[in-house]
Amino acid sequence: MRQGEPWLVGLHVPEYGQGNRANHEPDRPRKLLLHRREIDRMNAGVQQKGFTIVPTRLYFKDGRVKVELALAKGKDVRDKRRTFADRDARRQIERELKAR
C-alpha cells in the first residue's frame, strides 16, 4: 500500500512478442484497481492484525492482467520447525525408496 492505494511490485509480465515499441514495460510497479471497501478491508488487516497481502492467482482477461489477492498470516516459529522436519522426513523416505 502506498498512500492508501494498492500497488503490485515485483511482478514480471512479459512483453507481447508481436508488439512494437509501444509495448509495455515488463517490470514496472502496477496500480491495482479495487473498490474502496476492498482497499479499506485489506488496509485494516495489514495495519491492525499484521496480515500480509498475497497474490494467489494471476490470469489474463480481455487484454488485462487480473490478480486475485488474499490476506495471509505468517507462520509461527513452531510451525516452521514442524514444516522443516516434515520435509526432511519426506526427503529421507524418498531416498530410501530410491535406493531399493
PDB file of N, CA and C in Angstrom:
ATOM      1  N   MET A   1       0.850  -1.180   0.000  1.00  0.00           N
ATOM      2  CA  MET A   1       0.000   0.000   0.000  1.00  0.00           C
ATOM      3  C   MET A   1       0.894   1.241   0.000  1.00  0.00           C
ATOM      4  N   ARG A   2       0.651   2.114  -0.929  1.00  0.00           N
ATOM      5  CA  ARG A   2       1.359   3.393  -0.992  1.00  0.00           C
ATOM      6  C   ARG A   2       0.319   4.502  -0.945  1.00  0.00           C
ATOM      7  N   GLN A   3       0.365   5.299   0.089  1.00  0.00           N
ATOM      8  CA  GLN A   3      -0.555   6.421   0.266  1.00  0.00           C
ATOM      9  C   GLN A   3      -2.012   5.978   0.128  1.00  0.00           C
ATOM     10  N   GLY A   4      -2.320   4.836   0.708  1.00  0.00           N
ATOM     11  CA  GLY A   4      -3.683   4.332   0.699  1.00  0.00           C
ATOM     12  C   GLY A   4      -4.118   3.686  -0.607  1.00  0.00           C
ATOM     13  N   GLU A   5      -3.193   3.496  -1.547  1.00  0.00           N
ATOM     14  CA  GLU A   5      -3.517   2.867  -2.816  1.00  0.00           C
ATOM     15  C   GLU A   5      -2.737   1.559  -2.950  1.00  0.00           C
ATOM     16  N   PRO A   6      -3.386   0.498  -3.434  1.00  0.00           N
ATOM     17  CA  PRO A   6      -2.680  -0.780  -3.588  1.00  0.00           C
ATOM     18  C   PRO A   6      -1.840  -0.810  -4.868  1.00  0.00           C
ATOM     19  N   TRP A   7      -0.598  -1.288  -4.745  1.00  0.00           N
ATOM     20  CA  TRP A   7       0.319  -1.425  -5.874  1.00  0.00           C
ATOM     21  C   TRP A   7       0.863  -2.839  -5.884  1.00  0.00           C
ATOM     22  N   LEU A   8       1.092  -3.367  -7.061  1.00  0.00           N
ATOM     23  CA  LEU A   8       1.707  -4.686  -7.231  1.00  0.00           C
ATOM     24  C   LEU A   8       3.141  -4.451  -7.682  1.00  0.00           C
ATOM     25  N   VAL A   9       4.098  -4.849  -6.842  1.00  0.00           N
ATOM     26  CA  VAL A   9       5.504  -4.577  -7.102  1.00  0.00           C
ATOM     27  C   VAL A   9       6.235  -5.907  -7.283  1.00  0.00           C
ATOM     28  N   GLY A  10       7.141  -5.950  -8.247  1.00  0.00           N
ATOM     29  CA  GLY A  10       7.975  -7.125  -8.430  1.00  0.00           C
ATOM     30  C   GLY A  10       7.374  -8.189  -9.335  1.00  0.00           C
ATOM     31  N   LEU A  11       6.319  -7.867 -10.051  1.00  0.00           N
ATOM     32  CA  LEU A  11       5.699  -8.825 -10.963  1.00  0.00           C
ATOM     33  C   LEU A  11       6.256  -8.594 -12.359  1.00  0.00           C
ATOM     34  N   HIS A  12       6.683  -9.665 -13.011  1.00  0.00           N
ATOM     35  CA  HIS A  12       7.191  -9.586 -14.380  1.00  0.00           C
ATOM     36  C   HIS A  12       6.107 -10.081 -15.331  1.00  0.00           C
ATOM     37  N   VAL A  13       5.566  -9.184 -16.142  1.00  0.00           N
ATOM     38  CA  VAL A  13       4.608  -9.543 -17.184  1.00  0.00           C
ATOM     39  C   VAL A  13       5.358  -9.411 -18.505  1.00  0.00           C
ATOM     40  N   PRO A  14       5.650 -10.532 -19.191  1.00  0.00           N
ATOM     41  CA  PRO A  14       6.464 -10.461 -20.405  1.00  0.00           C
ATOM     42  C   PRO A  14       5.816  -9.599 -21.490  1.00  0.00           C
ATOM     43  N   GLU A  15       6.664  -8.989 -22.294  1.00  0.00           N
ATOM     44  CA  GLU A  15       6.172  -8.173 -23.396  1.00  0.00           C
ATOM     45  C   GLU A  15       5.524  -9.058 -24.446  1.00  0.00           C
ATOM     46  N   TYR A  16       4.606  -8.481 -25.192  1.00  0.00           N
ATOM     47  CA  TYR A  16       3.961  -9.184 -26.290  1.00  0.00           C
ATOM     48  C   TYR A  16       4.966  -9.307 -27.421  1.00  0.00           C
ATOM     49  N   GLY A  17       5.257 -10.521 -27.844  1.00  0.00           N
ATOM     50  CA  GLY A  17       6.287 -10.769 -28.844  1.00  0.00           C
ATOM     51  C   GLY A  17       6.012 -10.130 -30.184  1.00  0.00           C
ATOM     52  N   GLN A  18       4.742  -9.979 -30.567  1.00  0.00           N
ATOM     53  CA  GLN A  18       4.389  -9.404 -31.856  1.00  0.00           C
ATOM     54  C   GLN A  18       4.184  -7.888 -31.765  1.00  0.00           C
ATOM     55  N   GLY A  19       4.431  -7.321 -30.576  1.00  0.00           N
ATOM     56  CA  GLY A  19       4.191  -5.892 -30.379  1.00  0.00           C
ATOM     57  C   GLY A  19       5.274  -5.028 -30.993  1.00  0.00           C
ATOM     58  N   ASN A  20       5.071  -3.720 -30.904  1.00  0.00           N
ATOM     59  CA  ASN A  20       6.040  -2.772 -31.430  1.00  0.00           C
ATOM     60  C   ASN A  20       6.667  -1.999 -30.277  1.00  0.00           C
ATOM     61  N   ARG A  21       7.226  -0.849 -30.561  1.00  0.00           N
ATOM     62  CA  ARG A  21       7.912  -0.110 -29.496  1.00  0.00           C
ATOM     63  C   ARG A  21       6.949   0.502 -28.479  1.00  0.00           C
ATOM     64  N   ALA A  22       5.658   0.472 -28.752  1.00  0.00           N
ATOM     65  CA  ALA A  22       4.665   0.958 -27.797  1.00  0.00           C
ATOM     66  C   ALA A  22       4.287  -0.129 -26.794  1.00  0.00           C
ATOM     67  N   ASN A  23       5.062  -1.206 -26.747  1.00  0.00           N
ATOM     68  CA  ASN A  23       4.815  -2.302 -25.815  1.00  0.00           C
ATOM     69  C   ASN A  23       5.013  -1.818 -24.380  1.00  0.00           C
ATOM     70  N   HIS A  24       4.456  -2.534 -23.422  1.00  0.00           N
ATOM     71  CA  HIS A  24       4.564  -2.126 -22.016  1.00  0.00           C
ATOM     72  C   HIS A  24       5.920  -2.514 -21.433  1.00  0.00           C
ATOM     73  N   GLU A  25       6.265  -1.873 -20.330  1.00  0.00           N
ATOM     74  CA  GLU A  25       7.492  -2.204 -19.613  1.00  0.00           C
ATOM     75  C   GLU A  25       7.203  -3.420 -18.726  1.00  0.00           C
ATOM     76  N   PRO A  26       7.989  -4.503 -18.820  1.00  0.00           N
ATOM     77  CA  PRO A  26       7.626  -5.748 -18.139  1.00  0.00           C
ATOM     78  C   PRO A  26       7.746  -5.722 -16.612  1.00  0.00           C
ATOM     79  N   ASP A  27       8.620  -4.907 -16.038  1.00  0.00           N
ATOM     80  CA  ASP A  27       8.864  -4.973 -14.590  1.00  0.00           C
ATOM     81  C   ASP A  27       8.396  -3.743 -13.821  1.00  0.00           C
ATOM     82  N   ARG A  28       7.514  -2.963 -14.367  1.00  0.00           N
ATOM     83  CA  ARG A  28       7.096  -1.741 -13.686  1.00  0.00           C
ATOM     84  C   ARG A  28       6.099  -2.059 -12.556  1.00  0.00           C
ATOM     85  N   PRO A  29       6.044  -1.219 -11.524  1.00  0.00           N
ATOM     86  CA  PRO A  29       5.001  -1.388 -10.500  1.00  0.00           C
ATOM     87  C   PRO A  29       3.638  -1.090 -11.112  1.00  0.00           C
ATOM     88  N   ARG A  30       2.639  -1.853 -10.725  1.00  0.00           N
ATOM     89  CA  ARG A  30       1.311  -1.683 -11.300  1.00  0.00           C
ATOM     90  C   ARG A  30       0.308  -1.327 -10.213  1.00  0.00           C
ATOM     91  N   LYS A  31      -0.483  -0.309 -10.493  1.00  0.00           N
ATOM     92  CA  LYS A  31      -1.519   0.103  -9.560  1.00  0.00           C
ATOM     93  C   LYS A  31      -2.704  -0.844  -9.726  1.00  0.00           C
ATOM     94  N   LEU A  32      -3.232  -1.326  -8.616  1.00  0.00           N
ATOM     95  CA  LEU A  32      -4.362  -2.242  -8.655  1.00  0.00           C
ATOM     96  C   LEU A  32      -5.666  -1.476  -8.598  1.00  0.00           C
ATOM     97  N   LEU A  33      -6.624  -1.911  -9.374  1.00  0.00           N
ATOM     98  CA  LEU A  33      -7.938  -1.284  -9.391  1.00  0.00           C
ATOM     99  C   LEU A  33      -8.867  -2.093  -8.508  1.00  0.00           C
ATOM    100  N   LEU A  34      -9.234  -1.528  -7.373  1.00  0.00           N
ATOM    101  CA  LEU A  34     -10.105  -2.196  -6.408  1.00  0.00           C
ATOM    102  C   LEU A  34     -11.198  -1.226  -5.965  1.00  0.00           C
ATOM    103  N   HIS A  35     -12.274  -1.777  -5.437  1.00  0.00           N
ATOM    104  CA  HIS A  35     -13.312  -0.954  -4.838  1.00  0.00           C
ATOM    105  C   HIS A  35     -12.800  -0.395  -3.513  1.00  0.00           C
ATOM    106  N   ARG A  36     -13.324   0.739  -3.109  1.00  0.00           N
ATOM    107  CA  ARG A  36     -12.872   1.404  -1.884  1.00  0.00           C
ATOM    108  C   ARG A  36     -13.019   0.502  -0.669  1.00  0.00           C
ATOM    109  N   ARG A  37     -14.118  -0.231  -0.574  1.00  0.00           N
ATOM    110  CA  ARG A  37     -14.312  -1.094   0.613  1.00  0.00           C
ATOM    111  C   ARG A  37     -13.301  -2.238   0.629  1.00  0.00           C
ATOM    112  N   GLU A  38     -12.893  -2.731  -0.539  1.00  0.00           N
ATOM    113  CA  GLU A  38     -11.857  -3.768  -0.593  1.00  0.00           C
ATOM    114  C   GLU A  38     -10.514  -3.211  -0.133  1.00  0.00           C
ATOM    115  N   ILE A  39     -10.201  -2.008  -0.565  1.00  0.00           N
ATOM    116  CA  ILE A  39      -8.952  -1.363  -0.154  1.00  0.00           C
ATOM    117  C   ILE A  39      -8.954  -1.139   1.355  1.00  0.00           C
ATOM    118  N   ASP A  40     -10.059  -0.636   1.889  1.00  0.00           N
ATOM    119  CA  ASP A  40     -10.157  -0.375   3.329  1.00  0.00           C
ATOM    120  C   ASP A  40     -10.023  -1.657   4.140  1.00  0.00           C
ATOM    121  N   ARG A  41     -10.676  -2.746   3.682  1.00  0.00           N
ATOM    122  CA  ARG A  41     -10.611  -4.014   4.402  1.00  0.00           C
ATOM    123  C   ARG A  41      -9.184  -4.573   4.423  1.00  0.00           C
ATOM    124  N   MET A  42      -8.501  -4.513   3.280  1.00  0.00           N
ATOM    125  CA  MET A  42      -7.122  -5.016   3.221  1.00  0.00           C
ATOM    126  C   MET A  42      -6.186  -4.146   4.036  1.00  0.00           C
ATOM    127  N   ASN A  43      -6.362  -2.850   3.957  1.00  0.00           N
ATOM    128  CA  ASN A  43      -5.520  -1.934   4.709  1.00  0.00           C
ATOM    129  C   ASN A  43      -5.687  -2.150   6.210  1.00  0.00           C
ATOM    130  N   ALA A  44      -6.923  -2.369   6.656  1.00  0.00           N
ATOM    131  CA  ALA A  44      -7.167  -2.619   8.083  1.00  0.00           C
ATOM    132  C   ALA A  44      -6.519  -3.925   8.516  1.00  0.00           C
ATOM    133  N   GLY A  45      -6.598  -4.943   7.692  1.00  0.00           N
ATOM    134  CA  GLY A  45      -5.978  -6.220   8.036  1.00  0.00           C
ATOM    135  C   GLY A  45      -4.472  -6.125   8.138  1.00  0.00           C
ATOM    136  N   VAL A  46      -3.877  -5.356   7.247  1.00  0.00           N
ATOM    137  CA  VAL A  46      -2.418  -5.200   7.257  1.00  0.00           C
ATOM    138  C   VAL A  46      -1.964  -4.397   8.467  1.00  0.00           C
ATOM    139  N   GLN A  47      -2.670  -3.308   8.774  1.00  0.00           N
ATOM    140  CA  GLN A  47      -2.230  -2.429   9.848  1.00  0.00           C
ATOM    141  C   GLN A  47      -2.558  -2.959  11.234  1.00  0.00           C
ATOM    142  N   GLN A  48      -3.760  -3.470  11.448  1.00  0.00           N
ATOM    143  CA  GLN A  48      -4.183  -3.855  12.781  1.00  0.00           C
ATOM    144  C   GLN A  48      -3.793  -5.276  13.150  1.00  0.00           C
ATOM    145  N   LYS A  49      -4.004  -6.215  12.259  1.00  0.00           N
ATOM    146  CA  LYS A  49      -3.834  -7.618  12.612  1.00  0.00           C
ATOM    147  C   LYS A  49      -2.497  -8.202  12.176  1.00  0.00           C
ATOM    148  N   GLY A  50      -1.692  -7.455  11.418  1.00  0.00           N
ATOM    149  CA  GLY A  50      -0.389  -7.948  10.994  1.00  0.00           C
ATOM    150  C   GLY A  50      -0.443  -8.936   9.848  1.00  0.00           C
ATOM    151  N   PHE A  51      -1.495  -8.889   9.063  1.00  0.00           N
ATOM    152  CA  PHE A  51      -1.594  -9.763   7.908  1.00  0.00           C
ATOM    153  C   PHE A  51      -0.764  -9.206   6.754  1.00  0.00           C
ATOM    154  N   THR A  52      -0.560 -10.029   5.726  1.00  0.00           N
ATOM    155  CA  THR A  52       0.145  -9.629   4.526  1.00  0.00           C
ATOM    156  C   THR A  52      -0.767  -9.865   3.338  1.00  0.00           C
ATOM    157  N   ILE A  53      -0.705  -8.999   2.352  1.00  0.00           N
ATOM    158  CA  ILE A  53      -1.483  -9.183   1.134  1.00  0.00           C
ATOM    159  C   ILE A  53      -0.654 -10.034   0.176  1.00  0.00           C
ATOM    160  N   VAL A  54      -1.240 -11.158  -0.256  1.00  0.00           N
ATOM    161  CA  VAL A  54      -0.523 -12.117  -1.098  1.00  0.00           C
ATOM    162  C   VAL A  54      -1.312 -12.355  -2.377  1.00  0.00           C
ATOM    163  N   PRO A  55      -0.657 -12.258  -3.552  1.00  0.00           N
ATOM    164  CA  PRO A  55      -1.354 -12.621  -4.788  1.00  0.00           C
ATOM    165  C   PRO A  55      -1.448 -14.143  -4.893  1.00  0.00           C
ATOM    166  N   THR A  56      -2.663 -14.666  -5.093  1.00  0.00           N
ATOM    167  CA  THR A  56      -2.844 -16.118  -5.149  1.00  0.00           C
ATOM    168  C   THR A  56      -3.033 -16.630  -6.558  1.00  0.00           C
ATOM    169  N   ARG A  57      -3.496 -15.780  -7.467  1.00  0.00           N
ATOM    170  CA  ARG A  57      -3.756 -16.233  -8.829  1.00  0.00           C
ATOM    171  C   ARG A  57      -3.560 -15.068  -9.787  1.00  0.00           C
ATOM    172  N   LEU A  58      -3.018 -15.372 -10.949  1.00  0.00           N
ATOM    173  CA  LEU A  58      -2.755 -14.361 -11.960  1.00  0.00           C
ATOM    174  C   LEU A  58      -3.244 -14.892 -13.293  1.00  0.00           C
ATOM    175  N   TYR A  59      -4.067 -14.113 -13.996  1.00  0.00           N
ATOM    176  CA  TYR A  59      -4.575 -14.567 -15.287  1.00  0.00           C
ATOM    177  C   TYR A  59      -4.873 -13.375 -16.184  1.00  0.00           C
ATOM    178  N   PHE A  60      -5.021 -13.642 -17.475  1.00  0.00           N
ATOM    179  CA  PHE A  60      -5.324 -12.612 -18.459  1.00  0.00           C
ATOM    180  C   PHE A  60      -6.788 -12.682 -18.842  1.00  0.00           C
ATOM    181  N   LYS A  61      -7.416 -11.519 -18.993  1.00  0.00           N
ATOM    182  CA  LYS A  61      -8.804 -11.454 -19.419  1.00  0.00           C
ATOM    183  C   LYS A  61      -9.000 -10.157 -20.203  1.00  0.00           C
ATOM    184  N   ASP A  62      -9.425 -10.284 -21.438  1.00  0.00           N
ATOM    185  CA  ASP A  62      -9.661  -9.130 -22.312  1.00  0.00           C
ATOM    186  C   ASP A  62      -8.449  -8.203 -22.398  1.00  0.00           C
ATOM    187  N   GLY A  63      -7.262  -8.776 -22.509  1.00  0.00           N
ATOM    188  CA  GLY A  63      -6.052  -7.979 -22.669  1.00  0.00           C
ATOM    189  C   GLY A  63      -5.530  -7.345 -21.396  1.00  0.00           C
ATOM    190  N   ARG A  64      -6.104  -7.686 -20.266  1.00  0.00           N
ATOM    191  CA  ARG A  64      -5.645  -7.142 -18.984  1.00  0.00           C
ATOM    192  C   ARG A  64      -5.158  -8.272 -18.083  1.00  0.00           C
ATOM    193  N   VAL A  65      -4.251  -7.943 -17.197  1.00  0.00           N
ATOM    194  CA  VAL A  65      -3.767  -8.916 -16.220  1.00  0.00           C
ATOM    195  C   VAL A  65      -4.640  -8.787 -14.985  1.00  0.00           C
ATOM    196  N   LYS A  66      -5.238  -9.887 -14.567  1.00  0.00           N
ATOM    197  CA  LYS A  66      -6.083  -9.898 -13.369  1.00  0.00           C
ATOM    198  C   LYS A  66      -5.330 -10.631 -12.259  1.00  0.00           C
ATOM    199  N   VAL A  67      -5.499 -10.157 -11.027  1.00  0.00           N
ATOM    200  CA  VAL A  67      -4.817 -10.744  -9.870  1.00  0.00           C
ATOM    201  C   VAL A  67      -5.834 -10.989  -8.770  1.00  0.00           C
ATOM    202  N   GLU A  68      -5.826 -12.200  -8.231  1.00  0.00           N
ATOM    203  CA  GLU A  68      -6.640 -12.478  -7.044  1.00  0.00           C
ATOM    204  C   GLU A  68      -5.738 -12.306  -5.830  1.00  0.00           C
ATOM    205  N   LEU A  69      -6.229 -11.566  -4.841  1.00  0.00           N
ATOM    206  CA  LEU A  69      -5.451 -11.271  -3.642  1.00  0.00           C
ATOM    207  C   LEU A  69      -6.073 -11.934  -2.427  1.00  0.00           C
ATOM    208  N   ALA A  70      -5.222 -12.214  -1.441  1.00  0.00           N
ATOM    209  CA  ALA A  70      -5.698 -12.792  -0.191  1.00  0.00           C
ATOM    210  C   ALA A  70      -4.925 -12.168   0.961  1.00  0.00           C
ATOM    211  N   LEU A  71      -5.573 -12.104   2.115  1.00  0.00           N
ATOM    212  CA  LEU A  71      -4.884 -11.691   3.339  1.00  0.00           C
ATOM    213  C   LEU A  71      -4.348 -12.953   3.994  1.00  0.00           C
ATOM    214  N   ALA A  72      -3.062 -12.966   4.293  1.00  0.00           N
ATOM    215  CA  ALA A  72      -2.440 -14.166   4.850  1.00  0.00           C
ATOM    216  C   ALA A  72      -1.653 -13.811   6.098  1.00  0.00           C
ATOM    217  N   LYS A  73      -1.589 -14.760   7.010  1.00  0.00           N
ATOM    218  CA  LYS A  73      -0.823 -14.583   8.235  1.00  0.00           C
ATOM    219  C   LYS A  73       0.407 -15.483   8.161  1.00  0.00           C
ATOM    220  N   GLY A  74       1.539 -14.964   8.565  1.00  0.00           N
ATOM    221  CA  GLY A  74       2.778 -15.731   8.516  1.00  0.00           C
ATOM    222  C   GLY A  74       2.784 -16.871   9.516  1.00  0.00           C
ATOM    223  N   LYS A  75       3.714 -17.791   9.317  1.00  0.00           N
ATOM    224  CA  LYS A  75       3.811 -18.944  10.212  1.00  0.00           C
ATOM    225  C   LYS A  75       4.526 -18.580  11.504  1.00  0.00           C
ATOM    226  N   ASP A  76       4.194 -19.319  12.544  1.00  0.00           N
ATOM    227  CA  ASP A  76       4.881 -19.233  13.831  1.00  0.00           C
ATOM    228  C   ASP A  76       6.230 -19.943  13.720  1.00  0.00           C
ATOM    229  N   VAL A  77       7.128 -19.702  14.645  1.00  0.00           N
ATOM    230  CA  VAL A  77       8.416 -20.392  14.640  1.00  0.00           C
ATOM    231  C   VAL A  77       8.201 -21.892  14.815  1.00  0.00           C
ATOM    232  N   ARG A  78       7.239 -22.271  15.674  1.00  0.00           N
ATOM    233  CA  ARG A  78       6.963 -23.699  15.875  1.00  0.00           C
ATOM    234  C   ARG A  78       6.457 -24.349  14.600  1.00  0.00           C
ATOM    235  N   ASP A  79       5.579 -23.641  13.893  1.00  0.00           N
ATOM    236  CA  ASP A  79       5.040 -24.178  12.645  1.00  0.00           C
ATOM    237  C   ASP A  79       6.135 -24.351  11.605  1.00  0.00           C
ATOM    238  N   LYS A  80       7.070 -23.403  11.550  1.00  0.00           N
ATOM    239  CA  LYS A  80       8.168 -23.505  10.591  1.00  0.00           C
ATOM    240  C   LYS A  80       9.039 -24.719  10.905  1.00  0.00           C
ATOM    241  N   ARG A  81       9.331 -24.931  12.190  1.00  0.00           N
ATOM    242  CA  ARG A  81      10.147 -26.091  12.573  1.00  0.00           C
ATOM    243  C   ARG A  81       9.465 -27.389  12.175  1.00  0.00           C
ATOM    244  N   ARG A  82       8.156 -27.459  12.396  1.00  0.00           N
ATOM    245  CA  ARG A  82       7.395 -28.665  12.041  1.00  0.00           C
ATOM    246  C   ARG A  82       7.435 -28.892  10.526  1.00  0.00           C
ATOM    247  N   THR A  83       7.302 -27.820   9.756  1.00  0.00           N
ATOM    248  CA  THR A  83       7.342 -27.924   8.303  1.00  0.00           C
ATOM    249  C   THR A  83       8.704 -28.428   7.837  1.00  0.00           C
ATOM    250  N   PHE A  84       9.771 -27.884   8.412  1.00  0.00           N
ATOM    251  CA  PHE A  84      11.121 -28.329   8.044  1.00  0.00           C
ATOM    252  C   PHE A  84      11.326 -29.794   8.396  1.00  0.00           C
ATOM    253  N   ALA A  85      10.861 -30.213   9.567  1.00  0.00           N
ATOM    254  CA  ALA A  85      11.017 -31.601   9.985  1.00  0.00           C
ATOM    255  C   ALA A  85      10.243 -32.548   9.064  1.00  0.00           C
ATOM    256  N   ASP A  86       9.021 -32.165   8.708  1.00  0.00           N
ATOM    257  CA  ASP A  86       8.230 -32.988   7.790  1.00  0.00           C
ATOM    258  C   ASP A  86       8.892 -33.096   6.425  1.00  0.00           C
ATOM    259  N   ARG A  87       9.422 -32.013   5.950  1.00  0.00           N
ATOM    260  CA  ARG A  87      10.083 -32.022   4.639  1.00  0.00           C
ATOM    261  C   ARG A  87      11.330 -32.906   4.667  1.00  0.00           C
ATOM    262  N   ASP A  88      12.131 -32.810   5.744  1.00  0.00           N
ATOM    263  CA  ASP A  88      13.320 -33.649   5.859  1.00  0.00           C
ATOM    264  C   ASP A  88      12.954 -35.126   5.941  1.00  0.00           C
ATOM    265  N   ALA A  89      11.884 -35.449   6.688  1.00  0.00           N
ATOM    266  CA  ALA A  89      11.453 -36.848   6.793  1.00  0.00           C
ATOM    267  C   ALA A  89      10.987 -37.368   5.434  1.00  0.00           C
ATOM    268  N   ARG A  90      10.232 -36.563   4.709  1.00  0.00           N
ATOM    269  CA  ARG A  90       9.765 -36.971   3.373  1.00  0.00           C
ATOM    270  C   ARG A  90      10.938 -37.200   2.428  1.00  0.00           C
ATOM    271  N   ARG A  91      11.928 -36.333   2.505  1.00  0.00           N
ATOM    272  CA  ARG A  91      13.123 -36.467   1.672  1.00  0.00           C
ATOM    273  C   ARG A  91      13.874 -37.751   1.985  1.00  0.00           C
ATOM    274  N   GLN A  92      13.998 -38.050   3.280  1.00  0.00           N
ATOM    275  CA  GLN A  92      14.700 -39.268   3.700  1.00  0.00           C
ATOM    276  C   GLN A  92      13.962 -40.512   3.215  1.00  0.00           C
ATOM    277  N   ILE A  93      12.647 -40.513   3.305  1.00  0.00           N
ATOM    278  CA  ILE A  93      11.847 -41.656   2.836  1.00  0.00           C
ATOM    279  C   ILE A  93      12.038 -41.848   1.335  1.00  0.00           C
ATOM    280  N   GLU A  94      12.027 -40.741   0.580  1.00  0.00           N
ATOM    281  CA  GLU A  94      12.218 -40.855  -0.868  1.00  0.00           C
ATOM    282  C   GLU A  94      13.593 -41.391  -1.205  1.00  0.00           C
ATOM    283  N   ARG A  95      14.613 -40.991  -0.456  1.00  0.00           N
ATOM    284  CA  ARG A  95      15.970 -41.512  -0.677  1.00  0.00           C
ATOM    285  C   ARG A  95      16.039 -43.031  -0.429  1.00  0.00           C
ATOM    286  N   GLU A  96      15.407 -43.447   0.640  1.00  0.00           N
ATOM    287  CA  GLU A  96      15.411 -44.885   0.963  1.00  0.00           C
ATOM    288  C   GLU A  96      14.677 -45.691  -0.107  1.00  0.00           C
ATOM    289  N   LEU A  97      13.541 -45.186  -0.554  1.00  0.00           N
ATOM    290  CA  LEU A  97      12.788 -45.910  -1.594  1.00  0.00           C
ATOM    291  C   LEU A  97      13.553 -45.933  -2.911  1.00  0.00           C
ATOM    292  N   LYS A  98      14.263 -44.876  -3.217  1.00  0.00           N
ATOM    293  CA  LYS A  98      15.043 -44.810  -4.442  1.00  0.00           C
ATOM    294  C   LYS A  98      16.232 -45.767  -4.394  1.00  0.00           C
ATOM    295  N   ALA A  99      16.806 -45.939  -3.213  1.00  0.00           N
ATOM    296  CA  ALA A  99      17.969 -46.809  -3.039  1.00  0.00           C
ATOM    297  C   ALA A  99      17.616 -48.284  -3.197  1.00  0.00           C
ATOM    298  N   ARG A 100      16.347 -48.650  -2.981  1.00  0.00           N
ATOM    299  CA  ARG A 100      15.940 -50.046  -3.092  1.00  0.00           C
ATOM    300  C   ARG A 100      15.946 -50.534  -4.459  1.00  0.00           C
TER     301      ARG A 100
END
